[in-house]
Each structure stands twice: as structure tokens, then as C-alpha cells.
Amino acid sequence: MTGMTLKTIMAAALSAAMTLPAVAQEGEDPASDIGDVGALYPAEGAELTYDICTACHSEMIVAQQGQTREGWDELLQWMVEEQGMEPLFEDEREIVLDYLSTHYNTDRPHFPQ
């Protein structure tokens, strides 16, 4: 290293890395592009679920549950009928139910540790 300090090398490497296009690596999880979803598992449907659920309560309340799809559907209906939640559009409801029944089902694969 002729006259280059570690600081100079690091700055050059960082500068070079910032100019490279963002390309998904083979095997990279596409869920890494999911926005802020707090404690929820980052996957398709997480952002919509987060936005809807955290309008009234913490995402941890969602993450601690373990419901079947039918259980989640009944819970959403109860929130509309008893808690004043606005009804979801059918396409949004399906996305949320798909997400919840996949990641927060009775097996609780993403239960917060």
C-alpha cells in the first residue's frame, strides 16, 4: 500500500460501492425490499398488514397471535363490528388474510422471540 491509509481505502471502497447498481444476489431474499414493518415478518403483504393493524394497536399484538385463516377473518370482522375498524376492501382483506395465515398461523413460525 504505497501511501494509502486504511481510511483512504475504505472511503474509495464505499464510494465505488455506492455507484454500483442495486442487483439482487442469487439466493437473496426479495423480502429485504419490504419497508418498515416493525416486528412483523418482512414478506409480501407485510406493509399493508402493518399499516392497517398499527392504526389501532402495536404490531406485537398481531405477531403474538396464532390463528387459522378463518380465525383471522373472524377477528377482522369482530374489529369492524365491535371496535369501529373501517371495513377493508376485498382485495386488501385477501392480502392481509394471506399474510397473516401464512406467517402468524397456529404453528406461529414467526412468533417474536
N, C-alpha and C. Protein backbone atom coordinates (compact mmCIF):
# COMPACT_ATOMS: atom_id res chain seq x y z
N MET A 1 0.86 -1.18 0.00
CA MET A 1 0.00 0.00 0.00
C MET A 1 0.90 1.23 0.00
N THR A 2 1.11 1.77 -1.12
CA THR A 2 2.00 2.89 -1.27
C THR A 2 1.29 4.18 -0.95
N GLY A 3 1.47 4.66 0.28
CA GLY A 3 0.94 5.94 0.68
C GLY A 3 -0.56 5.98 0.93
N MET A 4 -1.26 4.86 0.85
CA MET A 4 -2.71 4.84 1.08
C MET A 4 -2.98 4.42 2.52
N THR A 5 -3.78 5.17 3.18
CA THR A 5 -4.16 4.81 4.54
C THR A 5 -5.42 3.96 4.50
N LEU A 6 -5.69 3.29 5.59
CA LEU A 6 -6.90 2.47 5.68
C LEU A 6 -8.14 3.35 5.47
N LYS A 7 -8.10 4.56 5.99
CA LYS A 7 -9.23 5.49 5.83
C LYS A 7 -9.45 5.81 4.35
N THR A 8 -8.39 6.02 3.60
CA THR A 8 -8.49 6.32 2.18
C THR A 8 -9.04 5.13 1.41
N ILE A 9 -8.57 3.93 1.74
CA ILE A 9 -9.03 2.73 1.07
C ILE A 9 -10.52 2.51 1.35
N MET A 10 -10.93 2.68 2.60
CA MET A 10 -12.33 2.49 2.97
C MET A 10 -13.22 3.51 2.26
N ALA A 11 -12.77 4.75 2.19
CA ALA A 11 -13.55 5.79 1.52
C ALA A 11 -13.69 5.48 0.04
N ALA A 12 -12.64 4.99 -0.59
CA ALA A 12 -12.69 4.64 -2.01
C ALA A 12 -13.63 3.45 -2.24
N ALA A 13 -13.55 2.47 -1.36
CA ALA A 13 -14.42 1.29 -1.48
C ALA A 13 -15.89 1.67 -1.31
N LEU A 14 -16.16 2.52 -0.34
CA LEU A 14 -17.54 2.96 -0.11
C LEU A 14 -18.04 3.76 -1.30
N SER A 15 -17.22 4.62 -1.83
CA SER A 15 -17.60 5.42 -2.99
C SER A 15 -17.90 4.53 -4.19
N ALA A 16 -17.07 3.53 -4.41
CA ALA A 16 -17.28 2.61 -5.53
C ALA A 16 -18.56 1.80 -5.33
N ALA A 17 -18.79 1.35 -4.12
CA ALA A 17 -19.99 0.55 -3.84
C ALA A 17 -21.25 1.36 -4.05
N MET A 18 -21.20 2.64 -3.76
CA MET A 18 -22.39 3.48 -3.89
C MET A 18 -22.74 3.75 -5.34
N THR A 19 -21.79 3.57 -6.26
CA THR A 19 -22.08 3.82 -7.66
C THR A 19 -22.53 2.57 -8.41
N LEU A 20 -22.46 1.40 -7.76
CA LEU A 20 -22.89 0.17 -8.40
C LEU A 20 -24.41 0.08 -8.39
N PRO A 21 -25.01 -0.47 -9.44
CA PRO A 21 -26.47 -0.62 -9.44
C PRO A 21 -26.87 -1.69 -8.42
N ALA A 22 -28.04 -1.51 -7.87
CA ALA A 22 -28.55 -2.49 -6.91
C ALA A 22 -29.04 -3.71 -7.69
N VAL A 23 -28.38 -4.82 -7.48
CA VAL A 23 -28.73 -6.06 -8.16
C VAL A 23 -28.94 -7.13 -7.10
N ALA A 24 -30.03 -7.84 -7.18
CA ALA A 24 -30.29 -8.91 -6.23
C ALA A 24 -29.31 -10.04 -6.47
N GLN A 25 -28.70 -10.49 -5.41
CA GLN A 25 -27.79 -11.62 -5.48
C GLN A 25 -28.59 -12.91 -5.53
N GLU A 26 -28.02 -13.92 -6.16
CA GLU A 26 -28.69 -15.21 -6.20
C GLU A 26 -28.91 -15.69 -4.77
N GLY A 27 -30.13 -16.10 -4.49
CA GLY A 27 -30.46 -16.58 -3.15
C GLY A 27 -30.85 -15.47 -2.19
N GLU A 28 -30.76 -14.21 -2.63
CA GLU A 28 -31.13 -13.10 -1.76
C GLU A 28 -32.63 -13.08 -1.56
N ASP A 29 -33.05 -12.78 -0.37
CA ASP A 29 -34.47 -12.75 -0.03
C ASP A 29 -35.09 -11.49 -0.60
N PRO A 30 -36.07 -11.62 -1.53
CA PRO A 30 -36.71 -10.43 -2.09
C PRO A 30 -37.47 -9.64 -1.03
N ALA A 31 -37.76 -10.24 0.12
CA ALA A 31 -38.45 -9.54 1.19
C ALA A 31 -37.58 -8.44 1.79
N SER A 32 -36.29 -8.43 1.46
CA SER A 32 -35.41 -7.39 2.00
C SER A 32 -35.79 -6.02 1.46
N ASP A 33 -36.62 -5.97 0.41
CA ASP A 33 -37.07 -4.70 -0.14
C ASP A 33 -38.33 -4.19 0.55
N ILE A 34 -38.87 -4.95 1.50
CA ILE A 34 -40.07 -4.56 2.23
C ILE A 34 -39.73 -3.37 3.11
N GLY A 35 -40.63 -2.41 3.18
CA GLY A 35 -40.41 -1.22 4.01
C GLY A 35 -40.51 -1.54 5.50
N ASP A 36 -40.68 -0.52 6.30
CA ASP A 36 -40.75 -0.67 7.75
C ASP A 36 -42.01 -1.42 8.14
N VAL A 37 -41.83 -2.59 8.71
CA VAL A 37 -42.96 -3.38 9.19
C VAL A 37 -42.78 -3.75 10.66
N GLY A 38 -41.94 -3.00 11.35
CA GLY A 38 -41.73 -3.22 12.77
C GLY A 38 -41.32 -4.65 13.06
N ALA A 39 -42.03 -5.30 13.97
CA ALA A 39 -41.70 -6.67 14.38
C ALA A 39 -42.31 -7.72 13.47
N LEU A 40 -43.10 -7.29 12.48
CA LEU A 40 -43.72 -8.27 11.59
C LEU A 40 -42.68 -8.87 10.66
N TYR A 41 -42.93 -10.11 10.24
CA TYR A 41 -42.04 -10.80 9.31
C TYR A 41 -42.11 -10.10 7.95
N PRO A 42 -40.95 -9.71 7.39
CA PRO A 42 -40.94 -9.00 6.12
C PRO A 42 -41.20 -9.93 4.94
N ALA A 43 -42.40 -9.90 4.43
CA ALA A 43 -42.79 -10.72 3.29
C ALA A 43 -43.92 -10.02 2.57
N GLU A 44 -44.31 -10.56 1.43
CA GLU A 44 -45.40 -9.98 0.67
C GLU A 44 -46.64 -9.82 1.55
N GLY A 45 -47.21 -8.63 1.57
CA GLY A 45 -48.39 -8.35 2.38
C GLY A 45 -48.08 -7.74 3.73
N ALA A 46 -46.81 -7.72 4.11
CA ALA A 46 -46.43 -7.21 5.43
C ALA A 46 -46.69 -5.71 5.57
N GLU A 47 -46.36 -4.94 4.55
CA GLU A 47 -46.54 -3.48 4.66
C GLU A 47 -48.01 -3.12 4.81
N LEU A 48 -48.87 -3.72 3.99
CA LEU A 48 -50.29 -3.42 4.09
C LEU A 48 -50.83 -3.86 5.45
N THR A 49 -50.44 -5.04 5.90
CA THR A 49 -50.88 -5.54 7.20
C THR A 49 -50.42 -4.62 8.30
N TYR A 50 -49.17 -4.21 8.26
CA TYR A 50 -48.61 -3.29 9.26
C TYR A 50 -49.39 -1.98 9.28
N ASP A 51 -49.60 -1.41 8.09
CA ASP A 51 -50.30 -0.12 8.02
C ASP A 51 -51.71 -0.21 8.58
N ILE A 52 -52.41 -1.28 8.27
CA ILE A 52 -53.79 -1.43 8.73
C ILE A 52 -53.83 -1.69 10.24
N CYS A 53 -53.02 -2.62 10.70
CA CYS A 53 -53.09 -3.04 12.10
C CYS A 53 -52.56 -1.98 13.07
N THR A 54 -51.48 -1.32 12.69
CA THR A 54 -50.88 -0.37 13.63
C THR A 54 -51.63 0.96 13.68
N ALA A 55 -52.69 1.09 12.89
CA ALA A 55 -53.53 2.28 13.02
C ALA A 55 -54.22 2.28 14.39
N CYS A 56 -54.38 1.09 14.99
CA CYS A 56 -55.09 0.98 16.27
C CYS A 56 -54.25 0.37 17.39
N HIS A 57 -53.30 -0.46 17.05
CA HIS A 57 -52.52 -1.13 18.11
C HIS A 57 -51.15 -1.52 17.59
N SER A 58 -50.31 -1.97 18.50
CA SER A 58 -48.95 -2.39 18.17
C SER A 58 -48.95 -3.62 17.27
N GLU A 59 -47.96 -3.71 16.41
CA GLU A 59 -47.81 -4.91 15.58
C GLU A 59 -47.48 -6.14 16.43
N MET A 60 -47.00 -5.92 17.65
CA MET A 60 -46.70 -7.05 18.53
C MET A 60 -47.96 -7.81 18.92
N ILE A 61 -49.09 -7.13 18.99
CA ILE A 61 -50.34 -7.82 19.28
C ILE A 61 -50.65 -8.79 18.15
N VAL A 62 -50.37 -8.39 16.93
CA VAL A 62 -50.58 -9.26 15.78
C VAL A 62 -49.58 -10.42 15.82
N ALA A 63 -48.31 -10.09 16.02
CA ALA A 63 -47.25 -11.09 15.98
C ALA A 63 -47.38 -12.16 17.06
N GLN A 64 -48.07 -11.84 18.13
CA GLN A 64 -48.22 -12.80 19.23
C GLN A 64 -49.37 -13.78 19.01
N GLN A 65 -50.18 -13.51 18.03
CA GLN A 65 -51.35 -14.37 17.78
C GLN A 65 -50.95 -15.61 16.99
N GLY A 66 -51.80 -16.58 17.04
CA GLY A 66 -51.64 -17.78 16.23
C GLY A 66 -53.02 -18.23 15.81
N GLN A 67 -53.46 -17.75 14.66
CA GLN A 67 -54.82 -18.02 14.20
C GLN A 67 -54.82 -18.76 12.86
N THR A 68 -55.85 -19.51 12.64
CA THR A 68 -56.10 -20.05 11.31
C THR A 68 -56.56 -18.90 10.43
N ARG A 69 -56.66 -19.14 9.14
CA ARG A 69 -57.20 -18.10 8.24
C ARG A 69 -58.60 -17.71 8.69
N GLU A 70 -59.40 -18.71 9.04
CA GLU A 70 -60.77 -18.44 9.50
C GLU A 70 -60.76 -17.62 10.79
N GLY A 71 -59.83 -17.93 11.68
CA GLY A 71 -59.71 -17.18 12.92
C GLY A 71 -59.34 -15.73 12.68
N TRP A 72 -58.39 -15.50 11.77
CA TRP A 72 -58.02 -14.13 11.41
C TRP A 72 -59.20 -13.40 10.77
N ASP A 73 -59.93 -14.10 9.91
CA ASP A 73 -61.09 -13.50 9.25
C ASP A 73 -62.13 -13.08 10.29
N GLU A 74 -62.41 -13.96 11.25
CA GLU A 74 -63.37 -13.64 12.31
C GLU A 74 -62.88 -12.48 13.17
N LEU A 75 -61.58 -12.44 13.43
CA LEU A 75 -61.02 -11.34 14.22
C LEU A 75 -61.16 -10.01 13.50
N LEU A 76 -60.90 -10.01 12.19
CA LEU A 76 -61.08 -8.79 11.42
C LEU A 76 -62.55 -8.35 11.45
N GLN A 77 -63.45 -9.28 11.29
CA GLN A 77 -64.88 -8.97 11.33
C GLN A 77 -65.28 -8.40 12.68
N TRP A 78 -64.76 -9.00 13.77
CA TRP A 78 -65.04 -8.52 15.13
C TRP A 78 -64.53 -7.08 15.29
N MET A 79 -63.35 -6.80 14.75
CA MET A 79 -62.79 -5.45 14.87
C MET A 79 -63.67 -4.43 14.15
N VAL A 80 -64.24 -4.81 13.03
CA VAL A 80 -65.14 -3.92 12.30
C VAL A 80 -66.44 -3.73 13.09
N GLU A 81 -67.04 -4.83 13.52
CA GLU A 81 -68.34 -4.78 14.18
C GLU A 81 -68.29 -4.22 15.60
N GLU A 82 -67.25 -4.53 16.34
CA GLU A 82 -67.21 -4.17 17.76
C GLU A 82 -66.21 -3.07 18.12
N GLN A 83 -65.21 -2.87 17.28
CA GLN A 83 -64.15 -1.94 17.64
C GLN A 83 -64.08 -0.71 16.74
N GLY A 84 -64.98 -0.63 15.77
CA GLY A 84 -65.03 0.56 14.92
C GLY A 84 -63.99 0.61 13.81
N MET A 85 -63.38 -0.51 13.51
CA MET A 85 -62.42 -0.54 12.40
C MET A 85 -63.17 -0.37 11.09
N GLU A 86 -62.59 0.39 10.18
CA GLU A 86 -63.18 0.54 8.85
C GLU A 86 -63.07 -0.80 8.12
N PRO A 87 -64.13 -1.21 7.43
CA PRO A 87 -64.04 -2.46 6.65
C PRO A 87 -62.97 -2.33 5.57
N LEU A 88 -62.28 -3.43 5.30
CA LEU A 88 -61.25 -3.44 4.27
C LEU A 88 -61.89 -3.72 2.92
N PHE A 89 -61.27 -3.19 1.87
CA PHE A 89 -61.66 -3.59 0.53
C PHE A 89 -61.34 -5.07 0.39
N GLU A 90 -62.09 -5.78 -0.41
CA GLU A 90 -61.94 -7.24 -0.52
C GLU A 90 -60.52 -7.64 -0.92
N ASP A 91 -59.92 -6.91 -1.88
CA ASP A 91 -58.55 -7.27 -2.30
C ASP A 91 -57.55 -7.05 -1.17
N GLU A 92 -57.73 -5.99 -0.39
CA GLU A 92 -56.86 -5.75 0.76
C GLU A 92 -57.05 -6.83 1.82
N ARG A 93 -58.30 -7.18 2.07
CA ARG A 93 -58.62 -8.21 3.06
C ARG A 93 -57.94 -9.53 2.70
N GLU A 94 -57.97 -9.89 1.42
CA GLU A 94 -57.35 -11.13 0.97
C GLU A 94 -55.83 -11.09 1.17
N ILE A 95 -55.22 -9.97 0.87
CA ILE A 95 -53.77 -9.82 1.06
C ILE A 95 -53.42 -9.97 2.53
N VAL A 96 -54.16 -9.29 3.39
CA VAL A 96 -53.91 -9.35 4.84
C VAL A 96 -54.14 -10.77 5.35
N LEU A 97 -55.23 -11.39 4.94
CA LEU A 97 -55.50 -12.75 5.39
C LEU A 97 -54.45 -13.74 4.87
N ASP A 98 -54.01 -13.56 3.64
CA ASP A 98 -52.94 -14.42 3.11
C ASP A 98 -51.68 -14.27 3.95
N TYR A 99 -51.31 -13.02 4.23
CA TYR A 99 -50.10 -12.76 5.01
C TYR A 99 -50.22 -13.34 6.42
N LEU A 100 -51.31 -13.01 7.11
CA LEU A 100 -51.46 -13.46 8.49
C LEU A 100 -51.56 -14.98 8.60
N SER A 101 -52.31 -15.60 7.71
CA SER A 101 -52.48 -17.05 7.81
C SER A 101 -51.21 -17.81 7.41
N THR A 102 -50.34 -17.17 6.68
CA THR A 102 -49.06 -17.79 6.33
C THR A 102 -48.02 -17.60 7.43
N HIS A 103 -47.91 -16.39 7.96
CA HIS A 103 -46.81 -16.07 8.88
C HIS A 103 -47.21 -16.05 10.36
N TYR A 104 -48.49 -15.99 10.64
CA TYR A 104 -48.95 -15.96 12.04
C TYR A 104 -50.11 -16.92 12.21
N ASN A 105 -49.89 -18.17 11.75
CA ASN A 105 -50.91 -19.20 11.87
C ASN A 105 -50.73 -19.96 13.18
N THR A 106 -51.43 -21.04 13.34
CA THR A 106 -51.38 -21.79 14.60
C THR A 106 -50.01 -22.40 14.86
N ASP A 107 -49.19 -22.58 13.81
CA ASP A 107 -47.82 -23.06 14.01
C ASP A 107 -46.91 -21.95 14.50
N ARG A 108 -47.34 -20.69 14.31
CA ARG A 108 -46.62 -19.49 14.74
C ARG A 108 -45.16 -19.49 14.33
N PRO A 109 -44.88 -19.63 13.01
CA PRO A 109 -43.48 -19.71 12.57
C PRO A 109 -42.67 -18.44 12.81
N HIS A 110 -43.33 -17.31 12.98
CA HIS A 110 -42.60 -16.05 13.18
C HIS A 110 -42.97 -15.38 14.51
N PHE A 111 -43.29 -16.21 15.48
CA PHE A 111 -43.60 -15.69 16.81
C PHE A 111 -42.39 -14.91 17.31
N PRO A 112 -42.59 -13.70 17.82
CA PRO A 112 -41.44 -12.89 18.28
C PRO A 112 -40.71 -13.56 19.44
N GLN A 113 -39.41 -13.53 19.35
CA GLN A 113 -38.57 -14.13 20.39
C GLN A 113 -38.23 -13.13 21.46
